[in-house]
Amino acid sequence: MKKKAITLLIVGLVFIGFGLALNSINTKQADIVTQSAKEIENQKIFNEFIKDKFSSKYFTIRKLNISDKQFFDLQIEYNIKKETGKFYIQTKWIKENNNEFIVIKNHKNYLQNNSELSFIVVGIEGKPNKPELLYIIPVNEIDTNKIYFGEIDKFKKLKINSNFYFNTKTKLLK
């Protein structure tokens, strides 16, 4: 009788331990989903911040279809001093910068299939609608799917609160 009781007790403890482990996993998954929802919301806020940096006098922002969004978030059309054209922007909001580099999605696929004028705009720290750092990186300046911070200082936007300026001669966004 004692052996059965001890066996049942051990089996019960194993099931309790297993149940606690499953609960811990489910809690972590819920945290990841919640974090992802927050990240998505922050990215949307950052995209609005970027859209607001383009003067409607010179720029028109087009929403991209899902099929067009493999790499880019925004299509910008410009009409500056009778010169017209378009370029694309991928935005990336980074809440905390704990890495030495930024990972760029689908970069190799894009470069192999396109020659469109395009930029990656990265906001770092602060808030999505008021980042502490802002970089405007021409995609043709990137060789890999990783951009190291030491290599992009020249693309830093010094006056974050000012609107974007597009130089039609050099095709640079500042």
C-alpha atoms as a PDB file:
ATOM      1  CA  MET A   1       0.000   0.000   0.000  1.00  0.00           C
ATOM      2  CA  LYS A   2       2.856   2.375   0.841  1.00  0.00           C
ATOM      3  CA  LYS A   3       4.495   1.691  -2.539  1.00  0.00           C
ATOM      4  CA  LYS A   4       1.275   2.624  -4.391  1.00  0.00           C
ATOM      5  CA  ALA A   5       0.893   5.792  -2.349  1.00  0.00           C
ATOM      6  CA  ILE A   6       4.497   6.838  -2.984  1.00  0.00           C
ATOM      7  CA  THR A   7       4.146   6.006  -6.695  1.00  0.00           C
ATOM      8  CA  LEU A   8       0.932   8.024  -6.938  1.00  0.00           C
ATOM      9  CA  LEU A   9       2.563  10.901  -5.084  1.00  0.00           C
ATOM     10  CA  ILE A  10       5.551  10.913  -7.455  1.00  0.00           C
ATOM     11  CA  VAL A  11       3.299  10.689 -10.527  1.00  0.00           C
ATOM     12  CA  GLY A  12       1.197  13.546  -9.150  1.00  0.00           C
ATOM     13  CA  LEU A  13       4.288  15.713  -8.573  1.00  0.00           C
ATOM     14  CA  VAL A  14       5.497  14.970 -12.109  1.00  0.00           C
ATOM     15  CA  PHE A  15       2.136  16.073 -13.546  1.00  0.00           C
ATOM     16  CA  ILE A  16       2.141  19.217 -11.413  1.00  0.00           C
ATOM     17  CA  GLY A  17       5.665  20.036 -12.608  1.00  0.00           C
ATOM     18  CA  PHE A  18       4.655  19.381 -16.199  1.00  0.00           C
ATOM     19  CA  GLY A  19       1.570  21.614 -15.801  1.00  0.00           C
ATOM     20  CA  LEU A  20       3.666  24.437 -14.340  1.00  0.00           C
ATOM     21  CA  ALA A  21       6.140  24.147 -17.207  1.00  0.00           C
ATOM     22  CA  LEU A  22       3.323  24.340 -19.796  1.00  0.00           C
ATOM     23  CA  ASN A  23       1.832  27.349 -18.042  1.00  0.00           C
ATOM     24  CA  SER A  24       5.223  29.068 -18.098  1.00  0.00           C
ATOM     25  CA  ILE A  25       5.581  28.431 -21.836  1.00  0.00           C
ATOM     26  CA  ASN A  26       2.072  29.770 -22.543  1.00  0.00           C
ATOM     27  CA  THR A  27       2.780  32.883 -20.458  1.00  0.00           C
ATOM     28  CA  LYS A  28       6.003  33.514 -22.403  1.00  0.00           C
ATOM     29  CA  GLN A  29       4.161  33.058 -25.716  1.00  0.00           C
ATOM     30  CA  ALA A  30       1.496  35.536 -24.591  1.00  0.00           C
ATOM     31  CA  ASP A  31       4.259  38.019 -23.687  1.00  0.00           C
ATOM     32  CA  ILE A  32       5.803  37.573 -27.144  1.00  0.00           C
ATOM     33  CA  VAL A  33       2.438  38.169 -28.860  1.00  0.00           C
ATOM     34  CA  THR A  34       1.841  41.255 -26.694  1.00  0.00           C
ATOM     35  CA  GLN A  35       5.347  42.532 -27.407  1.00  0.00           C
ATOM     36  CA  SER A  36       4.850  41.963 -31.131  1.00  0.00           C
ATOM     37  CA  ALA A  37       1.578  43.896 -31.037  1.00  0.00           C
ATOM     38  CA  LYS A  38       3.378  46.757 -29.292  1.00  0.00           C
ATOM     39  CA  GLU A  39       6.183  46.630 -31.840  1.00  0.00           C
ATOM     40  CA  ILE A  40       3.657  46.735 -34.695  1.00  0.00           C
ATOM     41  CA  GLU A  41       1.901  49.715 -33.124  1.00  0.00           C
ATOM     42  CA  ASN A  42       5.230  51.520 -32.577  1.00  0.00           C
ATOM     43  CA  GLN A  43       6.166  50.853 -36.202  1.00  0.00           C
ATOM     44  CA  LYS A  44       2.860  52.355 -37.362  1.00  0.00           C
ATOM     45  CA  ILE A  45       3.474  55.446 -35.214  1.00  0.00           C
ATOM     46  CA  PHE A  46       7.001  55.735 -36.623  1.00  0.00           C
ATOM     47  CA  ASN A  47       5.663  55.439 -40.201  1.00  0.00           C
ATOM     48  CA  GLU A  48       3.279  58.331 -39.491  1.00  0.00           C
ATOM     49  CA  PHE A  49       6.184  60.335 -38.083  1.00  0.00           C
ATOM     50  CA  ILE A  50       8.125  59.722 -41.310  1.00  0.00           C
ATOM     51  CA  LYS A  51       5.114  60.587 -43.518  1.00  0.00           C
ATOM     52  CA  ASP A  52       4.746  63.897 -41.680  1.00  0.00           C
ATOM     53  CA  LYS A  53       8.353  64.807 -42.616  1.00  0.00           C
ATOM     54  CA  PHE A  54       7.368  65.209 -46.278  1.00  0.00           C
ATOM     55  CA  SER A  55       5.869  68.562 -47.302  1.00  0.00           C
ATOM     56  CA  SER A  56       2.657  68.043 -49.270  1.00  0.00           C
ATOM     57  CA  LYS A  57       3.772  70.963 -51.450  1.00  0.00           C
ATOM     58  CA  TYR A  58       6.494  68.796 -53.030  1.00  0.00           C
ATOM     59  CA  PHE A  59       5.673  65.183 -52.127  1.00  0.00           C
ATOM     60  CA  THR A  60       2.788  62.729 -52.466  1.00  0.00           C
ATOM     61  CA  ILE A  61       2.833  59.579 -50.365  1.00  0.00           C
ATOM     62  CA  ARG A  62       1.303  56.484 -51.920  1.00  0.00           C
ATOM     63  CA  LYS A  63       0.208  53.437 -50.001  1.00  0.00           C
ATOM     64  CA  LEU A  64       1.753  50.254 -51.289  1.00  0.00           C
ATOM     65  CA  ASN A  65      -0.139  47.095 -52.097  1.00  0.00           C
ATOM     66  CA  ILE A  66       0.766  44.053 -50.043  1.00  0.00           C
ATOM     67  CA  SER A  67       2.596  42.571 -53.045  1.00  0.00           C
ATOM     68  CA  ASP A  68       4.696  45.752 -53.285  1.00  0.00           C
ATOM     69  CA  LYS A  69       5.535  45.741 -49.569  1.00  0.00           C
ATOM     70  CA  GLN A  70       8.060  42.923 -49.751  1.00  0.00           C
ATOM     71  CA  PHE A  71      10.776  45.456 -49.042  1.00  0.00           C
ATOM     72  CA  PHE A  72       9.255  48.938 -48.813  1.00  0.00           C
ATOM     73  CA  ASP A  73       6.746  50.634 -46.558  1.00  0.00           C
ATOM     74  CA  LEU A  74       6.202  53.858 -48.522  1.00  0.00           C
ATOM     75  CA  GLN A  75       6.304  55.118 -52.097  1.00  0.00           C
ATOM     76  CA  ILE A  76       7.059  58.840 -52.340  1.00  0.00           C
ATOM     77  CA  GLU A  77       6.373  60.821 -55.511  1.00  0.00           C
ATOM     78  CA  TYR A  78       8.028  64.209 -55.845  1.00  0.00           C
ATOM     79  CA  ASN A  79       7.407  67.315 -57.928  1.00  0.00           C
ATOM     80  CA  ILE A  80      10.195  69.790 -57.226  1.00  0.00           C
ATOM     81  CA  LYS A  81      10.938  72.700 -59.562  1.00  0.00           C
ATOM     82  CA  LYS A  82       9.193  70.939 -62.468  1.00  0.00           C
ATOM     83  CA  GLU A  83      11.189  67.751 -61.927  1.00  0.00           C
ATOM     84  CA  THR A  84       9.129  64.694 -61.071  1.00  0.00           C
ATOM     85  CA  GLY A  85       9.936  61.176 -59.997  1.00  0.00           C
ATOM     86  CA  LYS A  86       9.501  58.666 -57.212  1.00  0.00           C
ATOM     87  CA  PHE A  87      11.445  56.760 -54.625  1.00  0.00           C
ATOM     88  CA  TYR A  88      10.723  54.130 -52.014  1.00  0.00           C
ATOM     89  CA  ILE A  89      11.310  53.984 -48.275  1.00  0.00           C
ATOM     90  CA  GLN A  90      11.625  51.137 -45.824  1.00  0.00           C
ATOM     91  CA  THR A  91      11.164  52.330 -42.240  1.00  0.00           C
ATOM     92  CA  LYS A  92      12.596  50.665 -39.179  1.00  0.00           C
ATOM     93  CA  TRP A  93      11.943  51.705 -35.584  1.00  0.00           C
ATOM     94  CA  ILE A  94      14.354  50.418 -32.912  1.00  0.00           C
ATOM     95  CA  LYS A  95      13.272  51.042 -29.325  1.00  0.00           C
ATOM     96  CA  GLU A  96      16.629  50.185 -27.775  1.00  0.00           C
ATOM     97  CA  ASN A  97      19.929  49.868 -29.536  1.00  0.00           C
ATOM     98  CA  ASN A  98      21.755  46.947 -27.959  1.00  0.00           C
ATOM     99  CA  ASN A  99      23.314  45.666 -31.170  1.00  0.00           C
ATOM    100  CA  GLU A 100      26.209  46.715 -33.358  1.00  0.00           C
ATOM    101  CA  PHE A 101      24.099  46.462 -36.504  1.00  0.00           C
ATOM    102  CA  ILE A 102      20.607  46.681 -38.019  1.00  0.00           C
ATOM    103  CA  VAL A 103      19.151  43.722 -39.932  1.00  0.00           C
ATOM    104  CA  ILE A 104      17.415  44.686 -43.197  1.00  0.00           C
ATOM    105  CA  LYS A 105      14.616  42.435 -44.435  1.00  0.00           C
ATOM    106  CA  ASN A 106      14.688  40.963 -47.963  1.00  0.00           C
ATOM    107  CA  HIS A 107      17.653  43.147 -48.935  1.00  0.00           C
ATOM    108  CA  LYS A 108      19.401  40.680 -51.254  1.00  0.00           C
ATOM    109  CA  ASN A 109      16.168  39.815 -53.076  1.00  0.00           C
ATOM    110  CA  TYR A 110      15.430  43.488 -53.629  1.00  0.00           C
ATOM    111  CA  LEU A 111      18.858  44.357 -55.039  1.00  0.00           C
ATOM    112  CA  GLN A 112      18.784  41.430 -57.453  1.00  0.00           C
ATOM    113  CA  ASN A 113      15.391  42.403 -58.867  1.00  0.00           C
ATOM    114  CA  ASN A 114      15.218  46.216 -58.748  1.00  0.00           C
ATOM    115  CA  SER A 115      17.087  49.359 -59.548  1.00  0.00           C
ATOM    116  CA  GLU A 116      14.534  51.791 -58.054  1.00  0.00           C
ATOM    117  CA  LEU A 117      15.761  54.758 -56.050  1.00  0.00           C
ATOM    118  CA  SER A 118      15.228  53.779 -52.425  1.00  0.00           C
ATOM    119  CA  PHE A 119      16.138  54.558 -48.825  1.00  0.00           C
ATOM    120  CA  ILE A 120      15.963  52.939 -45.429  1.00  0.00           C
ATOM    121  CA  VAL A 121      14.926  55.351 -42.673  1.00  0.00           C
ATOM    122  CA  VAL A 122      15.878  54.148 -39.199  1.00  0.00           C
ATOM    123  CA  GLY A 123      14.678  55.714 -35.949  1.00  0.00           C
ATOM    124  CA  ILE A 124      16.462  54.738 -32.761  1.00  0.00           C
ATOM    125  CA  GLU A 125      15.451  55.146 -29.112  1.00  0.00           C
ATOM    126  CA  GLY A 126      13.285  57.932 -27.732  1.00  0.00           C
ATOM    127  CA  LYS A 127       9.689  57.425 -28.891  1.00  0.00           C
ATOM    128  CA  PRO A 128       8.395  56.329 -32.306  1.00  0.00           C
ATOM    129  CA  ASN A 129       6.988  59.821 -32.900  1.00  0.00           C
ATOM    130  CA  LYS A 130      10.150  61.481 -31.532  1.00  0.00           C
ATOM    131  CA  PRO A 131      13.244  59.316 -32.020  1.00  0.00           C
ATOM    132  CA  GLU A 132      16.560  60.374 -30.526  1.00  0.00           C
ATOM    133  CA  LEU A 133      18.469  59.354 -33.667  1.00  0.00           C
ATOM    134  CA  LEU A 134      17.350  59.252 -37.289  1.00  0.00           C
ATOM    135  CA  TYR A 135      19.275  57.833 -40.236  1.00  0.00           C
ATOM    136  CA  ILE A 136      18.399  58.062 -43.946  1.00  0.00           C
ATOM    137  CA  ILE A 137      20.408  55.379 -45.719  1.00  0.00           C
ATOM    138  CA  PRO A 138      20.439  55.006 -49.524  1.00  0.00           C
ATOM    139  CA  VAL A 139      19.879  51.320 -50.280  1.00  0.00           C
ATOM    140  CA  ASN A 140      22.598  51.350 -52.953  1.00  0.00           C
ATOM    141  CA  GLU A 141      25.114  52.079 -50.150  1.00  0.00           C
ATOM    142  CA  ILE A 142      24.380  48.742 -48.457  1.00  0.00           C
ATOM    143  CA  ASP A 143      26.244  45.570 -49.388  1.00  0.00           C
ATOM    144  CA  THR A 144      24.707  43.038 -46.973  1.00  0.00           C
ATOM    145  CA  ASN A 145      21.598  42.364 -44.883  1.00  0.00           C
ATOM    146  CA  LYS A 146      23.356  43.988 -41.920  1.00  0.00           C
ATOM    147  CA  ILE A 147      24.130  47.674 -41.530  1.00  0.00           C
ATOM    148  CA  TYR A 148      26.783  48.415 -38.895  1.00  0.00           C
ATOM    149  CA  PHE A 149      26.276  51.619 -36.929  1.00  0.00           C
ATOM    150  CA  GLY A 150      29.905  52.633 -37.449  1.00  0.00           C
ATOM    151  CA  GLU A 151      29.257  52.754 -41.199  1.00  0.00           C
ATOM    152  CA  ILE A 152      26.100  54.877 -41.205  1.00  0.00           C
ATOM    153  CA  ASP A 153      27.022  57.959 -39.189  1.00  0.00           C
ATOM    154  CA  LYS A 154      27.321  59.935 -42.435  1.00  0.00           C
ATOM    155  CA  PHE A 155      23.585  59.308 -43.046  1.00  0.00           C
ATOM    156  CA  LYS A 156      22.471  60.721 -39.698  1.00  0.00           C
ATOM    157  CA  LYS A 157      19.767  63.393 -39.913  1.00  0.00           C
ATOM    158  CA  LEU A 158      21.074  66.195 -37.746  1.00  0.00           C
ATOM    159  CA  LYS A 159      17.824  68.152 -37.419  1.00  0.00           C
ATOM    160  CA  ILE A 160      15.315  65.431 -36.616  1.00  0.00           C
ATOM    161  CA  ASN A 161      12.421  67.875 -36.234  1.00  0.00           C
ATOM    162  CA  SER A 162      12.878  69.433 -39.676  1.00  0.00           C
ATOM    163  CA  ASN A 163      11.156  68.120 -42.814  1.00  0.00           C
ATOM    164  CA  PHE A 164      12.925  65.916 -45.309  1.00  0.00           C
ATOM    165  CA  TYR A 165      14.711  67.547 -48.220  1.00  0.00           C
ATOM    166  CA  PHE A 166      15.228  65.696 -51.511  1.00  0.00           C
ATOM    167  CA  ASN A 167      18.032  66.872 -53.788  1.00  0.00           C
ATOM    168  CA  THR A 168      16.883  66.141 -57.331  1.00  0.00           C
ATOM    169  CA  LYS A 169      20.419  66.447 -58.739  1.00  0.00           C
ATOM    170  CA  THR A 170      22.192  64.050 -56.346  1.00  0.00           C
ATOM    171  CA  LYS A 171      19.040  61.976 -55.663  1.00  0.00           C
ATOM    172  CA  LEU A 172      19.720  62.098 -51.933  1.00  0.00           C
ATOM    173  CA  LEU A 173      17.126  62.420 -49.197  1.00  0.00           C
ATOM    174  CA  LYS A 174      18.167  64.458 -46.176  1.00  0.00           C
END
